[in-house]
Every structure is written in C-alpha cells, then in structure tokens.
Amino acid sequence: MAKKLAILSVAIICAFVVFVLVPKREFSIPIFPQPSAELPIVYDDVSDGGSSAATVRRVDSVLEFQCTLGKDTSKAAWCGLIWTLDSKNWLLVDSIVMDVFSESASELVIKIWTFDPDVTQKDSLTTYRLLLKEIALRKGENHIALPFSEFYVPEFWFQQNQADKELVQRHKEHVSRFEITLGWNVERGKPMRFRFTKIAAKGVGSMELAIFLLVCVVIVVAALGFLKKKK
C-alpha cells in the first residue's frame, strides 16, 4: 500500500511540474478601444446643482476626456466616464492596464462595480459592490499596470448600503460597470485633460489549470481502482 501511495504522489508531483513549466496563455479584455465606435457615458454634477463640466470624444484611436470641477468648494464636485459591461466574467483577471497622457500632474480613481447577490438591487446602481483604486499621474505619458489585488472596497460603501463587512467576496464573475473619475483632491476650476490610448483587463487563461486538474483526477481514479483490485 505504501509503495502504491508513493507512486501516486510522484505521479501528481510530475503533473504539477509539467503544469508549472508549460507557458501560461495570457488574455486581454479591451475596454478601450473596442471594435464599436460607441463612447463611454460621460457625466458631471450639473444635474445635481453643481457647475462642473465634462466632455468626451474619440479622435481616431484616442479617447479624449476633459473635466473642470466647479469652483464652489461648499458643494461636492465630480465628473467621470462609465463603461457598461453587462455582467462580464473577470474571475481570471489579475490586473488593469492603461496608457494615458495627462496634460498636468493629477490623480484618477478607477472604479469597478460588481453584482453582489447579498447586497445589490438591480434598480439601485450604488448597491453594486464597489472596488476602487487611486492612481497618481505625472504630466505626460503614463503606462499604468494595477494588480487587481490592490483594489479595495471603501468604508463608505458599507455604510451607505448597511452591508456586513464580513461579506468579503469581490464577485469578479459579475462585473457590471467600469468607471474613471477625477481624484479626491484635484484642483477646482482647472481644466484637466486626458488622452487614453489603451484600457484593458488582463489575466492568465485557465486551460493549463484545467488540464492539470483533469490529469490529477485521472491519476487518483486510476490509483483507487488499482488498489481496490489488489484487495
């Protein structure tokens, strides 16, 4: 029996070594540019009584986004871009990459909204689980690579939705929206201009892992069958 178990262990270890050595297949999910010419939704705070102004346009393969936050500091100010993703499966996504030219040093906030079955109400956008990450931009070209592990759920999301903090699942398998907004401390009244040439979610394919797990299952089943026959 001990000899058979040793052989089984060696077989599984060999399968694991093969899995590690096989080159992994990377994939990329484009957010911009996409085959369609459809633009993201642009928004500002004007409809809520603010004075911010935001515009977006596509020039060839460049997405130009401009926003000027309202000068009245007694009011909150905001603007941004939203891509509707219709519950995309990002379970294997491990990073967000972005190429953006900023006309001045600035900050952007990347927001990813996922469907959380324990909290989300489909008719209430703010109940979707919010994952966010702040990124500082220098003047000029910026090549950004954000590990997905650095995105976090802000404290205010739990408070607004009266959600239990023990609900830690990110629900990457149901990504509903991707959003870019200006940072928390961007100067009021100053036009902020950005030119995006690439925004994408990246990850590693699961084919090799599936093959490895299948091989392990076959080995275990074969070994158990062999041991039963010996008995």
Protein backbone atom coordinates (compact mmCIF):
# COMPACT_ATOMS: atom_id res chain seq x y z
CA MET A 1 0.00 0.00 0.00
CA ALA A 2 2.75 2.45 0.97
CA LYS A 3 4.54 1.79 -2.32
CA LYS A 4 1.39 2.47 -4.33
CA LEU A 5 0.75 5.71 -2.47
CA ALA A 6 4.34 6.77 -3.10
CA ILE A 7 3.92 6.13 -6.83
CA LEU A 8 0.66 8.09 -6.79
CA SER A 9 2.37 11.02 -5.05
CA VAL A 10 5.24 11.03 -7.54
CA ALA A 11 2.76 11.00 -10.45
CA ILE A 12 0.89 14.01 -9.07
CA ILE A 13 4.15 15.87 -8.42
CA CYS A 14 5.24 15.20 -12.01
CA ALA A 15 1.91 16.51 -13.29
CA PHE A 16 2.36 19.65 -11.17
CA VAL A 17 5.91 20.20 -12.51
CA VAL A 18 4.59 19.94 -16.07
CA PHE A 19 1.84 22.45 -15.22
CA VAL A 20 4.40 24.92 -13.84
CA LEU A 21 6.72 24.58 -16.85
CA VAL A 22 4.04 24.91 -19.53
CA PRO A 23 3.85 28.57 -20.72
CA LYS A 24 0.66 30.22 -19.49
CA ARG A 25 -1.71 31.78 -22.01
CA GLU A 26 -2.37 35.45 -21.28
CA PHE A 27 -5.57 37.15 -22.36
CA SER A 28 -6.71 40.77 -22.61
CA ILE A 29 -10.25 42.16 -22.40
CA PRO A 30 -10.33 45.55 -24.15
CA ILE A 31 -12.27 48.37 -22.54
CA PHE A 32 -10.86 50.96 -24.94
CA PRO A 33 -10.53 50.86 -27.85
CA GLN A 34 -13.32 48.48 -28.80
CA PRO A 35 -14.44 47.39 -32.27
CA SER A 36 -17.58 49.51 -31.99
CA ALA A 37 -17.32 53.28 -32.08
CA GLU A 38 -19.57 53.60 -29.04
CA LEU A 39 -18.30 56.10 -26.47
CA PRO A 40 -18.45 55.66 -22.70
CA ILE A 41 -21.08 57.60 -20.77
CA VAL A 42 -19.71 60.96 -19.60
CA TYR A 43 -21.23 62.64 -16.54
CA ASP A 44 -20.78 65.62 -14.24
CA ASP A 45 -22.63 67.23 -11.33
CA VAL A 46 -24.68 69.81 -13.27
CA SER A 47 -27.94 67.88 -12.90
CA ASP A 48 -27.40 67.93 -9.12
CA GLY A 49 -26.90 71.69 -8.96
CA GLY A 50 -23.14 71.72 -9.47
CA SER A 51 -21.08 73.64 -12.00
CA SER A 52 -18.56 71.03 -13.17
CA ALA A 53 -18.25 70.43 -16.91
CA ALA A 54 -17.08 67.24 -18.61
CA THR A 55 -16.72 66.19 -22.25
CA VAL A 56 -15.50 63.10 -24.08
CA ARG A 57 -14.74 62.42 -27.72
CA ARG A 58 -12.90 59.88 -29.79
CA VAL A 59 -10.27 61.05 -32.27
CA ASP A 60 -9.07 58.09 -34.34
CA SER A 61 -7.82 55.61 -31.70
CA VAL A 62 -7.58 58.16 -28.87
CA LEU A 63 -10.23 58.84 -26.23
CA GLU A 64 -10.07 62.47 -25.10
CA PHE A 65 -11.61 63.27 -21.73
CA GLN A 66 -11.78 66.74 -20.22
CA CYS A 67 -13.25 67.87 -16.92
CA THR A 68 -13.29 71.11 -14.96
CA LEU A 69 -14.59 70.78 -11.42
CA GLY A 70 -16.85 73.56 -10.15
CA LYS A 71 -15.12 76.28 -8.12
CA ASP A 72 -17.69 76.42 -5.32
CA THR A 73 -15.98 74.46 -2.54
CA SER A 74 -19.15 74.47 -0.43
CA LYS A 75 -20.53 71.86 -2.83
CA ALA A 76 -19.24 68.45 -3.76
CA ALA A 77 -17.98 68.21 -7.34
CA TRP A 78 -17.49 65.26 -9.64
CA CYS A 79 -17.23 64.04 -13.21
CA GLY A 80 -16.21 60.84 -14.94
CA LEU A 81 -16.65 58.14 -17.55
CA ILE A 82 -18.64 54.91 -17.33
CA TRP A 83 -18.49 51.77 -19.46
CA THR A 84 -21.45 49.39 -19.09
CA LEU A 85 -20.16 45.81 -19.18
CA ASP A 86 -23.34 43.74 -18.72
CA SER A 87 -22.05 41.33 -16.07
CA LYS A 88 -18.75 40.27 -17.64
CA ASN A 89 -16.83 37.39 -16.06
CA TRP A 90 -13.47 38.72 -14.82
CA LEU A 91 -12.77 35.83 -12.47
CA LEU A 92 -9.33 35.23 -14.02
CA VAL A 93 -8.45 38.91 -14.46
CA ASP A 94 -5.39 39.81 -12.39
CA SER A 95 -4.61 43.39 -13.50
CA ILE A 96 -5.90 46.55 -15.16
CA VAL A 97 -3.58 48.22 -17.67
CA MET A 98 -3.87 51.71 -19.06
CA ASP A 99 -1.94 54.08 -21.32
CA VAL A 100 -2.92 57.69 -20.71
CA PHE A 101 -1.43 61.09 -21.46
CA SER A 102 -2.16 63.74 -18.82
CA GLU A 103 -1.63 67.42 -19.57
CA SER A 104 -0.72 68.03 -15.92
CA ALA A 105 0.13 66.08 -12.79
CA SER A 106 -3.16 64.74 -11.49
CA GLU A 107 -5.00 61.82 -9.95
CA LEU A 108 -7.64 59.45 -11.28
CA VAL A 109 -9.80 56.95 -9.44
CA ILE A 110 -10.60 53.64 -11.13
CA LYS A 111 -13.88 52.06 -10.03
CA ILE A 112 -15.11 48.56 -10.82
CA TRP A 113 -18.71 47.72 -9.93
CA THR A 114 -19.75 44.08 -9.47
CA PHE A 115 -23.08 42.39 -8.83
CA ASP A 116 -23.20 41.23 -5.20
CA PRO A 117 -26.19 38.90 -4.69
CA ASP A 118 -26.19 39.63 -0.95
CA VAL A 119 -26.45 43.42 -1.35
CA THR A 120 -27.14 44.52 -4.91
CA GLN A 121 -30.57 45.68 -6.02
CA LYS A 122 -30.69 45.89 -9.80
CA ASP A 123 -32.62 49.16 -9.80
CA SER A 124 -30.09 50.86 -7.47
CA LEU A 125 -26.67 51.43 -9.05
CA THR A 126 -24.92 52.33 -5.79
CA THR A 127 -25.74 48.93 -4.29
CA TYR A 128 -23.40 47.18 -6.72
CA ARG A 129 -20.17 46.27 -4.93
CA LEU A 130 -17.57 49.00 -5.46
CA LEU A 131 -13.89 48.15 -5.92
CA LEU A 132 -11.66 51.17 -6.35
CA LYS A 133 -8.05 52.22 -6.70
CA GLU A 134 -6.47 55.69 -6.82
CA ILE A 135 -3.66 56.32 -9.31
CA ALA A 136 -1.33 59.33 -9.38
CA LEU A 137 -0.48 60.62 -12.85
CA ARG A 138 2.57 62.62 -13.83
CA LYS A 139 2.47 65.19 -16.59
CA GLY A 140 2.92 63.44 -19.94
CA GLU A 141 2.71 59.75 -20.81
CA ASN A 142 1.67 57.27 -18.12
CA HIS A 143 1.82 53.49 -18.52
CA ILE A 144 -0.25 52.02 -15.69
CA ALA A 145 -0.46 48.39 -14.53
CA LEU A 146 -2.70 47.88 -11.49
CA PRO A 147 -2.78 44.47 -9.76
CA PHE A 148 -6.40 43.58 -9.09
CA SER A 149 -5.44 42.74 -5.53
CA GLU A 150 -4.85 46.47 -4.87
CA PHE A 151 -8.49 47.37 -5.50
CA TYR A 152 -10.43 47.74 -2.26
CA VAL A 153 -13.98 48.27 -1.05
CA PRO A 154 -14.17 51.72 0.61
CA GLU A 155 -15.63 52.17 4.06
CA PHE A 156 -18.38 54.47 2.80
CA TRP A 157 -19.80 51.71 0.56
CA PHE A 158 -20.52 49.50 3.57
CA GLN A 159 -22.09 52.45 5.41
CA GLN A 160 -24.26 53.59 2.50
CA ASN A 161 -25.59 50.11 1.88
CA GLN A 162 -25.66 48.92 5.51
CA ALA A 163 -23.65 45.93 4.32
CA ASP A 164 -21.94 43.45 6.60
CA LYS A 165 -18.14 43.87 6.45
CA GLU A 166 -17.80 40.11 6.69
CA LEU A 167 -19.07 39.93 3.11
CA VAL A 168 -15.64 39.94 1.51
CA GLN A 169 -16.36 38.25 -1.83
CA ARG A 170 -15.49 40.58 -4.73
CA HIS A 171 -17.77 38.83 -7.23
CA LYS A 172 -15.41 39.33 -10.15
CA GLU A 173 -17.52 36.86 -12.10
CA HIS A 174 -20.21 39.57 -12.47
CA VAL A 175 -18.55 42.87 -13.44
CA SER A 176 -21.26 45.36 -14.41
CA ARG A 177 -19.50 48.72 -14.85
CA PHE A 178 -16.03 50.19 -15.26
CA GLU A 179 -15.62 53.82 -14.25
CA ILE A 180 -12.93 56.51 -14.28
CA THR A 181 -13.32 59.66 -12.19
CA LEU A 182 -11.11 62.55 -11.14
CA GLY A 183 -9.22 62.06 -7.88
CA TRP A 184 -10.29 63.24 -4.45
CA ASN A 185 -8.07 66.34 -4.28
CA VAL A 186 -7.98 67.63 -7.86
CA GLU A 187 -7.80 71.43 -8.13
CA ARG A 188 -11.17 73.15 -8.61
CA GLY A 189 -11.73 75.32 -11.66
CA LYS A 190 -8.72 73.97 -13.55
CA PRO A 191 -9.38 72.11 -16.83
CA MET A 192 -8.00 68.58 -16.58
CA ARG A 193 -7.34 66.87 -19.91
CA PHE A 194 -6.52 63.22 -20.53
CA ARG A 195 -5.93 61.18 -23.67
CA PHE A 196 -6.41 57.42 -23.35
CA THR A 197 -4.99 55.08 -25.97
CA LYS A 198 -5.45 51.80 -24.10
CA ILE A 199 -7.56 50.50 -21.23
CA ALA A 200 -7.80 46.74 -20.69
CA ALA A 201 -8.28 43.97 -18.14
CA LYS A 202 -5.60 41.26 -18.31
CA GLY A 203 -5.21 37.79 -16.91
CA VAL A 204 -3.99 34.26 -17.49
CA GLY A 205 -6.11 31.60 -19.21
CA SER A 206 -7.39 28.55 -17.34
CA MET A 207 -6.76 25.85 -19.97
CA GLU A 208 -3.48 24.68 -18.44
CA LEU A 209 -5.01 24.56 -14.96
CA ALA A 210 -8.00 22.61 -16.25
CA ILE A 211 -5.70 20.06 -17.93
CA PHE A 212 -3.61 19.74 -14.75
CA LEU A 213 -6.67 19.13 -12.58
CA LEU A 214 -8.03 16.62 -15.09
CA VAL A 215 -4.74 14.70 -15.07
CA CYS A 216 -4.75 14.63 -11.26
CA VAL A 217 -8.32 13.31 -11.19
CA VAL A 218 -7.48 10.60 -13.74
CA ILE A 219 -4.41 9.56 -11.72
CA VAL A 220 -6.38 9.40 -8.46
CA VAL A 221 -9.27 7.45 -10.02
CA ALA A 222 -6.89 5.01 -11.70
CA ALA A 223 -4.93 4.53 -8.49
CA LEU A 224 -8.04 3.93 -6.40
CA GLY A 225 -9.32 1.42 -8.95
CA PHE A 226 -5.97 -0.39 -8.91
CA LEU A 227 -5.88 -0.53 -5.12
CA LYS A 228 -9.41 -1.94 -4.96
CA LYS A 229 -8.46 -4.70 -7.41
CA LYS A 230 -5.44 -5.59 -5.28
CA LYS A 231 -7.71 -6.05 -2.28
